[in-house]
Amino acid sequence: IVREKFPNSAIAVAMATSKPPTLAISPAGVHVAFEGHMNFSVFPLESNERTLLFSTFTTVDAVLKVELKNKKIVASVETMKPTVKVIDSSIGEIPFASDFFVKNKINDVLKEGIALPDIDNVEYVNPSLILMKPCPLHIVASLKL
């Protein structure tokens, strides 16, 4: 319905937390929790004039698997429990995407990863990532100078 009403348009999502997000790191993985409002808008590609489609109150509780691959810290969603309550809609009932679809989209972003910093004249040798408590994240490597 959105594609028909708003051809050649893109969707924008604005999020505002209602309490601080949490992140807890343990050997089992990274636990992330979010609670807040999400506003979904549409705008024509040739302008930035937004039309509000719907608003939600959303909570997400997820566990991520984090690892080091090719000198990048990458992650994937192991489990995710989203709860979405529609607050306001200008387009009627909202058919939400399945958890599977949302999880795959998030994984597409997380697999891009964050590169380890480049340091002049230093080479990482066999780097690895260790998740532990109380000091949550360790990157271990021999350095070749």
N, C-alpha and C. Protein backbone atom coordinates (compact mmCIF):
# COMPACT_ATOMS: atom_id res chain seq x y z
N ILE A 1 0.83 -1.20 0.00
CA ILE A 1 0.00 0.00 0.00
C ILE A 1 0.87 1.27 0.00
N VAL A 2 1.96 1.26 0.75
CA VAL A 2 2.84 2.44 0.81
C VAL A 2 3.49 2.67 -0.55
N ARG A 3 3.95 1.60 -1.20
CA ARG A 3 4.59 1.73 -2.50
C ARG A 3 3.64 2.31 -3.53
N GLU A 4 2.36 1.94 -3.44
CA GLU A 4 1.36 2.46 -4.38
C GLU A 4 1.05 3.93 -4.12
N LYS A 5 0.92 4.30 -2.84
CA LYS A 5 0.59 5.69 -2.49
C LYS A 5 1.78 6.63 -2.64
N PHE A 6 2.99 6.11 -2.46
CA PHE A 6 4.18 6.95 -2.47
C PHE A 6 5.25 6.34 -3.39
N PRO A 7 5.02 6.36 -4.71
CA PRO A 7 6.03 5.79 -5.62
C PRO A 7 7.31 6.63 -5.59
N ASN A 8 8.42 6.02 -5.91
CA ASN A 8 9.73 6.70 -5.94
C ASN A 8 10.04 7.40 -4.63
N SER A 9 9.75 6.72 -3.54
CA SER A 9 9.97 7.28 -2.21
C SER A 9 10.81 6.33 -1.37
N ALA A 10 11.34 6.86 -0.29
CA ALA A 10 12.13 6.07 0.65
C ALA A 10 11.48 6.16 2.03
N ILE A 11 11.80 5.20 2.87
CA ILE A 11 11.28 5.16 4.24
C ILE A 11 12.38 5.65 5.19
N ALA A 12 11.99 6.48 6.14
CA ALA A 12 12.92 6.94 7.18
C ALA A 12 12.37 6.48 8.53
N VAL A 13 13.27 6.08 9.42
CA VAL A 13 12.88 5.67 10.76
C VAL A 13 13.62 6.55 11.76
N ALA A 14 12.87 7.24 12.60
CA ALA A 14 13.46 8.05 13.67
C ALA A 14 13.16 7.35 14.98
N MET A 15 14.20 7.17 15.80
CA MET A 15 14.03 6.46 17.07
C MET A 15 14.42 7.36 18.23
N ALA A 16 13.68 7.22 19.32
CA ALA A 16 14.00 7.93 20.56
C ALA A 16 13.79 6.96 21.71
N THR A 17 14.81 6.77 22.52
CA THR A 17 14.69 5.83 23.63
C THR A 17 13.88 6.45 24.76
N SER A 18 13.14 5.60 25.47
CA SER A 18 12.40 6.08 26.63
C SER A 18 13.19 5.83 27.92
N LYS A 19 14.21 5.00 27.83
CA LYS A 19 15.18 4.83 28.90
C LYS A 19 16.48 4.41 28.24
N PRO A 20 17.60 4.57 28.91
CA PRO A 20 18.88 4.27 28.25
C PRO A 20 18.96 2.81 27.78
N PRO A 21 19.44 2.60 26.56
CA PRO A 21 19.66 1.22 26.10
C PRO A 21 20.72 0.56 26.97
N THR A 22 20.67 -0.76 27.07
CA THR A 22 21.67 -1.46 27.86
C THR A 22 22.47 -2.40 26.97
N LEU A 23 23.70 -2.62 27.38
CA LEU A 23 24.60 -3.53 26.69
C LEU A 23 25.39 -4.25 27.77
N ALA A 24 25.30 -5.57 27.79
CA ALA A 24 26.03 -6.36 28.78
C ALA A 24 26.85 -7.41 28.03
N ILE A 25 28.13 -7.48 28.36
CA ILE A 25 29.04 -8.41 27.68
C ILE A 25 29.41 -9.53 28.63
N SER A 26 29.31 -10.77 28.14
CA SER A 26 29.71 -11.93 28.92
C SER A 26 30.29 -12.96 27.96
N PRO A 27 30.89 -14.02 28.47
CA PRO A 27 31.41 -15.05 27.56
C PRO A 27 30.33 -15.65 26.65
N ALA A 28 29.06 -15.57 27.06
CA ALA A 28 27.97 -16.12 26.25
C ALA A 28 27.62 -15.23 25.05
N GLY A 29 28.03 -13.97 25.08
CA GLY A 29 27.72 -13.05 23.99
C GLY A 29 27.44 -11.66 24.51
N VAL A 30 26.86 -10.85 23.65
CA VAL A 30 26.55 -9.47 23.99
C VAL A 30 25.03 -9.34 24.05
N HIS A 31 24.52 -8.94 25.22
CA HIS A 31 23.09 -8.77 25.42
C HIS A 31 22.76 -7.29 25.24
N VAL A 32 21.79 -6.99 24.35
CA VAL A 32 21.40 -5.63 24.04
C VAL A 32 19.91 -5.48 24.31
N ALA A 33 19.52 -4.38 24.96
CA ALA A 33 18.09 -4.11 25.20
C ALA A 33 17.81 -2.65 24.85
N PHE A 34 16.67 -2.44 24.18
CA PHE A 34 16.25 -1.11 23.73
C PHE A 34 14.76 -0.97 23.99
N GLU A 35 14.35 0.23 24.39
CA GLU A 35 12.93 0.53 24.59
C GLU A 35 12.70 1.96 24.15
N GLY A 36 11.73 2.17 23.28
CA GLY A 36 11.47 3.54 22.87
C GLY A 36 10.45 3.67 21.76
N HIS A 37 10.32 4.89 21.27
CA HIS A 37 9.37 5.22 20.22
C HIS A 37 10.08 5.23 18.87
N MET A 38 9.37 4.74 17.87
CA MET A 38 9.89 4.75 16.50
C MET A 38 8.84 5.39 15.60
N ASN A 39 9.26 6.38 14.82
CA ASN A 39 8.38 7.03 13.86
C ASN A 39 8.83 6.64 12.46
N PHE A 40 7.93 6.07 11.69
CA PHE A 40 8.20 5.64 10.32
C PHE A 40 7.58 6.66 9.37
N SER A 41 8.41 7.27 8.54
CA SER A 41 7.95 8.29 7.60
C SER A 41 8.37 7.90 6.19
N VAL A 42 7.73 8.52 5.23
CA VAL A 42 8.08 8.31 3.83
C VAL A 42 8.41 9.67 3.23
N PHE A 43 9.37 9.68 2.29
CA PHE A 43 9.67 10.94 1.62
C PHE A 43 10.06 10.66 0.17
N PRO A 44 9.63 11.55 -0.75
CA PRO A 44 10.00 11.39 -2.15
C PRO A 44 11.52 11.50 -2.30
N LEU A 45 12.09 10.73 -3.22
CA LEU A 45 13.54 10.74 -3.40
C LEU A 45 14.06 12.10 -3.85
N GLU A 46 13.20 12.91 -4.48
CA GLU A 46 13.67 14.22 -4.97
C GLU A 46 13.52 15.33 -3.93
N SER A 47 12.95 15.03 -2.76
CA SER A 47 12.85 16.05 -1.71
C SER A 47 13.00 15.38 -0.35
N ASN A 48 13.02 16.19 0.69
CA ASN A 48 13.15 15.65 2.05
C ASN A 48 11.88 15.91 2.85
N GLU A 49 10.77 16.17 2.16
CA GLU A 49 9.49 16.44 2.82
C GLU A 49 8.89 15.12 3.29
N ARG A 50 8.81 14.94 4.59
CA ARG A 50 8.39 13.66 5.15
C ARG A 50 6.91 13.63 5.50
N THR A 51 6.32 12.45 5.28
CA THR A 51 4.94 12.19 5.66
C THR A 51 4.96 11.05 6.67
N LEU A 52 4.41 11.29 7.87
CA LEU A 52 4.40 10.25 8.90
C LEU A 52 3.46 9.13 8.50
N LEU A 53 3.97 7.90 8.51
CA LEU A 53 3.15 6.73 8.20
C LEU A 53 2.55 6.14 9.47
N PHE A 54 3.43 5.85 10.45
CA PHE A 54 2.95 5.30 11.71
C PHE A 54 4.02 5.45 12.78
N SER A 55 3.59 5.35 14.03
CA SER A 55 4.48 5.41 15.18
C SER A 55 4.29 4.15 16.02
N THR A 56 5.37 3.71 16.65
CA THR A 56 5.29 2.52 17.49
C THR A 56 6.01 2.77 18.81
N PHE A 57 5.62 1.97 19.80
CA PHE A 57 6.43 1.83 21.01
C PHE A 57 7.04 0.44 20.88
N THR A 58 8.36 0.37 20.89
CA THR A 58 9.06 -0.87 20.58
C THR A 58 10.04 -1.24 21.69
N THR A 59 10.08 -2.51 22.02
CA THR A 59 11.14 -3.02 22.89
C THR A 59 11.85 -4.14 22.13
N VAL A 60 13.14 -4.20 22.31
CA VAL A 60 13.95 -5.25 21.69
C VAL A 60 14.90 -5.79 22.74
N ASP A 61 14.94 -7.09 22.84
CA ASP A 61 15.87 -7.78 23.73
C ASP A 61 16.61 -8.78 22.85
N ALA A 62 17.92 -8.63 22.71
CA ALA A 62 18.66 -9.48 21.77
C ALA A 62 19.99 -9.91 22.36
N VAL A 63 20.46 -11.05 21.87
CA VAL A 63 21.80 -11.54 22.20
C VAL A 63 22.57 -11.65 20.89
N LEU A 64 23.75 -11.05 20.86
CA LEU A 64 24.59 -11.05 19.68
C LEU A 64 25.80 -11.95 19.88
N LYS A 65 26.19 -12.64 18.83
CA LYS A 65 27.45 -13.37 18.80
C LYS A 65 28.46 -12.43 18.17
N VAL A 66 29.55 -12.17 18.88
CA VAL A 66 30.57 -11.24 18.39
C VAL A 66 31.86 -12.00 18.18
N GLU A 67 32.52 -11.73 17.06
CA GLU A 67 33.79 -12.40 16.77
C GLU A 67 34.69 -11.50 15.93
N LEU A 68 35.91 -11.94 15.78
CA LEU A 68 36.89 -11.21 14.99
C LEU A 68 37.13 -11.98 13.70
N LYS A 69 36.88 -11.32 12.55
CA LYS A 69 37.10 -11.94 11.24
C LYS A 69 37.83 -10.94 10.35
N ASN A 70 38.91 -11.38 9.76
CA ASN A 70 39.66 -10.53 8.83
C ASN A 70 39.96 -9.15 9.41
N LYS A 71 40.40 -9.13 10.65
CA LYS A 71 40.77 -7.90 11.35
C LYS A 71 39.60 -6.93 11.51
N LYS A 72 38.38 -7.50 11.58
CA LYS A 72 37.18 -6.71 11.84
C LYS A 72 36.39 -7.37 12.96
N ILE A 73 35.80 -6.56 13.84
CA ILE A 73 34.88 -7.07 14.84
C ILE A 73 33.51 -7.14 14.16
N VAL A 74 32.97 -8.35 14.03
CA VAL A 74 31.68 -8.55 13.38
C VAL A 74 30.73 -9.20 14.38
N ALA A 75 29.44 -9.14 14.07
CA ALA A 75 28.45 -9.71 14.98
C ALA A 75 27.29 -10.28 14.18
N SER A 76 26.51 -11.13 14.86
CA SER A 76 25.27 -11.64 14.29
C SER A 76 24.27 -11.82 15.43
N VAL A 77 23.00 -11.70 15.12
CA VAL A 77 21.95 -11.85 16.12
C VAL A 77 21.72 -13.33 16.37
N GLU A 78 21.91 -13.75 17.61
CA GLU A 78 21.63 -15.13 18.00
C GLU A 78 20.16 -15.30 18.34
N THR A 79 19.66 -14.44 19.23
CA THR A 79 18.24 -14.45 19.59
C THR A 79 17.75 -13.01 19.65
N MET A 80 16.47 -12.84 19.35
CA MET A 80 15.89 -11.49 19.38
C MET A 80 14.42 -11.61 19.74
N LYS A 81 14.00 -10.78 20.72
CA LYS A 81 12.60 -10.76 21.14
C LYS A 81 12.07 -9.33 20.99
N PRO A 82 11.53 -8.99 19.82
CA PRO A 82 10.96 -7.65 19.67
C PRO A 82 9.48 -7.64 20.09
N THR A 83 9.05 -6.51 20.64
CA THR A 83 7.65 -6.27 20.93
C THR A 83 7.31 -4.92 20.33
N VAL A 84 6.30 -4.88 19.48
CA VAL A 84 5.94 -3.65 18.78
C VAL A 84 4.46 -3.35 19.01
N LYS A 85 4.19 -2.14 19.51
CA LYS A 85 2.80 -1.70 19.70
C LYS A 85 2.60 -0.44 18.86
N VAL A 86 1.66 -0.49 17.92
CA VAL A 86 1.38 0.67 17.07
C VAL A 86 0.63 1.70 17.90
N ILE A 87 1.14 2.94 17.90
CA ILE A 87 0.52 4.03 18.65
C ILE A 87 -0.40 4.83 17.73
N ASP A 88 0.07 5.07 16.50
CA ASP A 88 -0.66 5.92 15.57
C ASP A 88 -0.34 5.47 14.16
N SER A 89 -1.34 5.43 13.27
CA SER A 89 -1.10 5.02 11.89
C SER A 89 -1.98 5.82 10.94
N SER A 90 -1.36 6.36 9.89
CA SER A 90 -2.12 7.07 8.86
C SER A 90 -2.42 6.15 7.68
N ILE A 91 -1.97 4.88 7.76
CA ILE A 91 -2.17 3.96 6.64
C ILE A 91 -2.94 2.70 7.04
N GLY A 92 -3.59 2.74 8.20
CA GLY A 92 -4.38 1.59 8.63
C GLY A 92 -3.55 0.57 9.38
N GLU A 93 -4.00 -0.68 9.34
CA GLU A 93 -3.32 -1.75 10.05
C GLU A 93 -1.93 -1.98 9.48
N ILE A 94 -0.98 -2.25 10.36
CA ILE A 94 0.41 -2.43 9.96
C ILE A 94 0.78 -3.90 9.98
N PRO A 95 1.08 -4.49 8.82
CA PRO A 95 1.54 -5.88 8.80
C PRO A 95 3.06 -5.91 9.03
N PHE A 96 3.47 -6.23 10.24
CA PHE A 96 4.90 -6.18 10.55
C PHE A 96 5.65 -7.34 9.93
N ALA A 97 6.89 -7.04 9.57
CA ALA A 97 7.77 -8.06 9.01
C ALA A 97 8.05 -9.11 10.07
N SER A 98 8.31 -10.29 9.63
CA SER A 98 8.60 -11.38 10.56
C SER A 98 9.92 -11.13 11.28
N ASP A 99 10.06 -11.75 12.44
CA ASP A 99 11.32 -11.65 13.18
C ASP A 99 12.48 -12.12 12.31
N PHE A 100 12.22 -13.13 11.47
CA PHE A 100 13.26 -13.67 10.59
C PHE A 100 13.77 -12.59 9.65
N PHE A 101 12.86 -11.83 9.03
CA PHE A 101 13.24 -10.76 8.10
C PHE A 101 14.04 -9.68 8.83
N VAL A 102 13.54 -9.23 9.98
CA VAL A 102 14.20 -8.18 10.74
C VAL A 102 15.58 -8.64 11.18
N LYS A 103 15.66 -9.86 11.69
CA LYS A 103 16.94 -10.42 12.14
C LYS A 103 17.94 -10.46 10.98
N ASN A 104 17.50 -10.87 9.80
CA ASN A 104 18.40 -10.92 8.64
C ASN A 104 18.88 -9.53 8.23
N LYS A 105 18.00 -8.53 8.29
CA LYS A 105 18.40 -7.17 7.93
C LYS A 105 19.43 -6.63 8.92
N ILE A 106 19.22 -6.89 10.20
CA ILE A 106 20.19 -6.45 11.21
C ILE A 106 21.52 -7.17 11.00
N ASN A 107 21.46 -8.48 10.72
CA ASN A 107 22.69 -9.24 10.49
C ASN A 107 23.46 -8.71 9.28
N ASP A 108 22.74 -8.25 8.25
CA ASP A 108 23.42 -7.67 7.08
C ASP A 108 24.28 -6.48 7.48
N VAL A 109 23.78 -5.67 8.41
CA VAL A 109 24.54 -4.50 8.88
C VAL A 109 25.70 -4.94 9.78
N LEU A 110 25.42 -5.86 10.72
CA LEU A 110 26.44 -6.27 11.69
C LEU A 110 27.61 -7.01 11.05
N LYS A 111 27.36 -7.73 9.95
CA LYS A 111 28.44 -8.50 9.34
C LYS A 111 29.48 -7.61 8.66
N GLU A 112 29.12 -6.34 8.40
CA GLU A 112 30.10 -5.40 7.83
C GLU A 112 31.24 -5.16 8.81
N GLY A 113 30.93 -5.12 10.09
CA GLY A 113 31.94 -5.05 11.14
C GLY A 113 32.62 -3.71 11.31
N ILE A 114 33.49 -3.68 12.31
CA ILE A 114 34.30 -2.51 12.64
C ILE A 114 35.75 -2.96 12.55
N ALA A 115 36.52 -2.29 11.71
CA ALA A 115 37.92 -2.67 11.50
C ALA A 115 38.77 -2.33 12.71
N LEU A 116 39.74 -3.20 12.99
CA LEU A 116 40.74 -2.87 14.01
C LEU A 116 41.51 -1.64 13.53
N PRO A 117 41.98 -0.81 14.44
CA PRO A 117 42.68 0.40 14.00
C PRO A 117 43.99 0.07 13.28
N ASP A 118 44.26 0.83 12.23
CA ASP A 118 45.54 0.73 11.53
C ASP A 118 46.56 1.56 12.28
N ILE A 119 47.69 0.95 12.58
CA ILE A 119 48.77 1.65 13.27
C ILE A 119 50.00 1.55 12.38
N ASP A 120 50.60 2.70 12.08
CA ASP A 120 51.78 2.72 11.21
C ASP A 120 52.85 1.76 11.73
N ASN A 121 53.40 0.97 10.83
CA ASN A 121 54.51 0.06 11.11
C ASN A 121 54.17 -1.04 12.11
N VAL A 122 52.88 -1.34 12.30
CA VAL A 122 52.47 -2.41 13.20
C VAL A 122 51.55 -3.36 12.44
N GLU A 123 51.81 -4.66 12.58
CA GLU A 123 50.97 -5.67 11.94
C GLU A 123 50.42 -6.60 13.01
N TYR A 124 49.11 -6.87 12.98
CA TYR A 124 48.50 -7.80 13.92
C TYR A 124 48.83 -9.22 13.47
N VAL A 125 49.25 -10.07 14.40
CA VAL A 125 49.54 -11.47 14.09
C VAL A 125 48.57 -12.34 14.88
N ASN A 126 47.76 -13.12 14.19
CA ASN A 126 46.77 -14.01 14.80
C ASN A 126 45.88 -13.30 15.83
N PRO A 127 45.20 -12.21 15.44
CA PRO A 127 44.34 -11.52 16.42
C PRO A 127 43.13 -12.38 16.78
N SER A 128 42.66 -12.24 18.02
CA SER A 128 41.46 -12.94 18.47
C SER A 128 40.68 -12.03 19.40
N LEU A 129 39.42 -12.37 19.60
CA LEU A 129 38.52 -11.58 20.43
C LEU A 129 38.06 -12.45 21.58
N ILE A 130 38.11 -11.91 22.80
CA ILE A 130 37.67 -12.65 23.98
C ILE A 130 36.63 -11.82 24.72
N LEU A 131 35.46 -12.41 24.96
CA LEU A 131 34.41 -11.76 25.75
C LEU A 131 34.45 -12.34 27.15
N MET A 132 34.51 -11.47 28.16
CA MET A 132 34.57 -11.96 29.52
C MET A 132 34.10 -10.90 30.50
N LYS A 133 33.87 -11.31 31.73
CA LYS A 133 33.52 -10.40 32.81
C LYS A 133 34.72 -10.28 33.72
N PRO A 134 34.95 -9.23 34.45
CA PRO A 134 34.26 -7.95 34.45
C PRO A 134 34.79 -7.00 33.38
N CYS A 135 35.99 -7.25 32.87
CA CYS A 135 36.53 -6.40 31.81
C CYS A 135 36.04 -6.99 30.49
N PRO A 136 35.05 -6.36 29.86
CA PRO A 136 34.21 -7.05 28.90
C PRO A 136 34.82 -7.49 27.57
N LEU A 137 35.70 -6.74 26.99
CA LEU A 137 36.11 -7.05 25.62
C LEU A 137 37.62 -6.97 25.52
N HIS A 138 38.23 -8.07 25.10
CA HIS A 138 39.68 -8.11 24.93
C HIS A 138 39.99 -8.49 23.49
N ILE A 139 40.86 -7.74 22.86
CA ILE A 139 41.39 -8.13 21.56
C ILE A 139 42.84 -8.50 21.82
N VAL A 140 43.18 -9.74 21.49
CA VAL A 140 44.50 -10.26 21.78
C VAL A 140 45.22 -10.52 20.47
N ALA A 141 46.47 -10.06 20.37
CA ALA A 141 47.26 -10.31 19.16
C ALA A 141 48.72 -10.11 19.47
N SER A 142 49.54 -10.85 18.75
CA SER A 142 50.96 -10.54 18.75
C SER A 142 51.15 -9.41 17.75
N LEU A 143 52.10 -8.57 17.99
CA LEU A 143 52.35 -7.46 17.08
C LEU A 143 53.68 -7.65 16.39
N LYS A 144 53.69 -7.41 15.11
CA LYS A 144 54.92 -7.47 14.33
C LYS A 144 55.31 -6.03 14.02
N LEU A 145 56.44 -5.60 14.56
CA LEU A 145 56.87 -4.21 14.38
C LEU A 145 57.90 -4.09 13.29
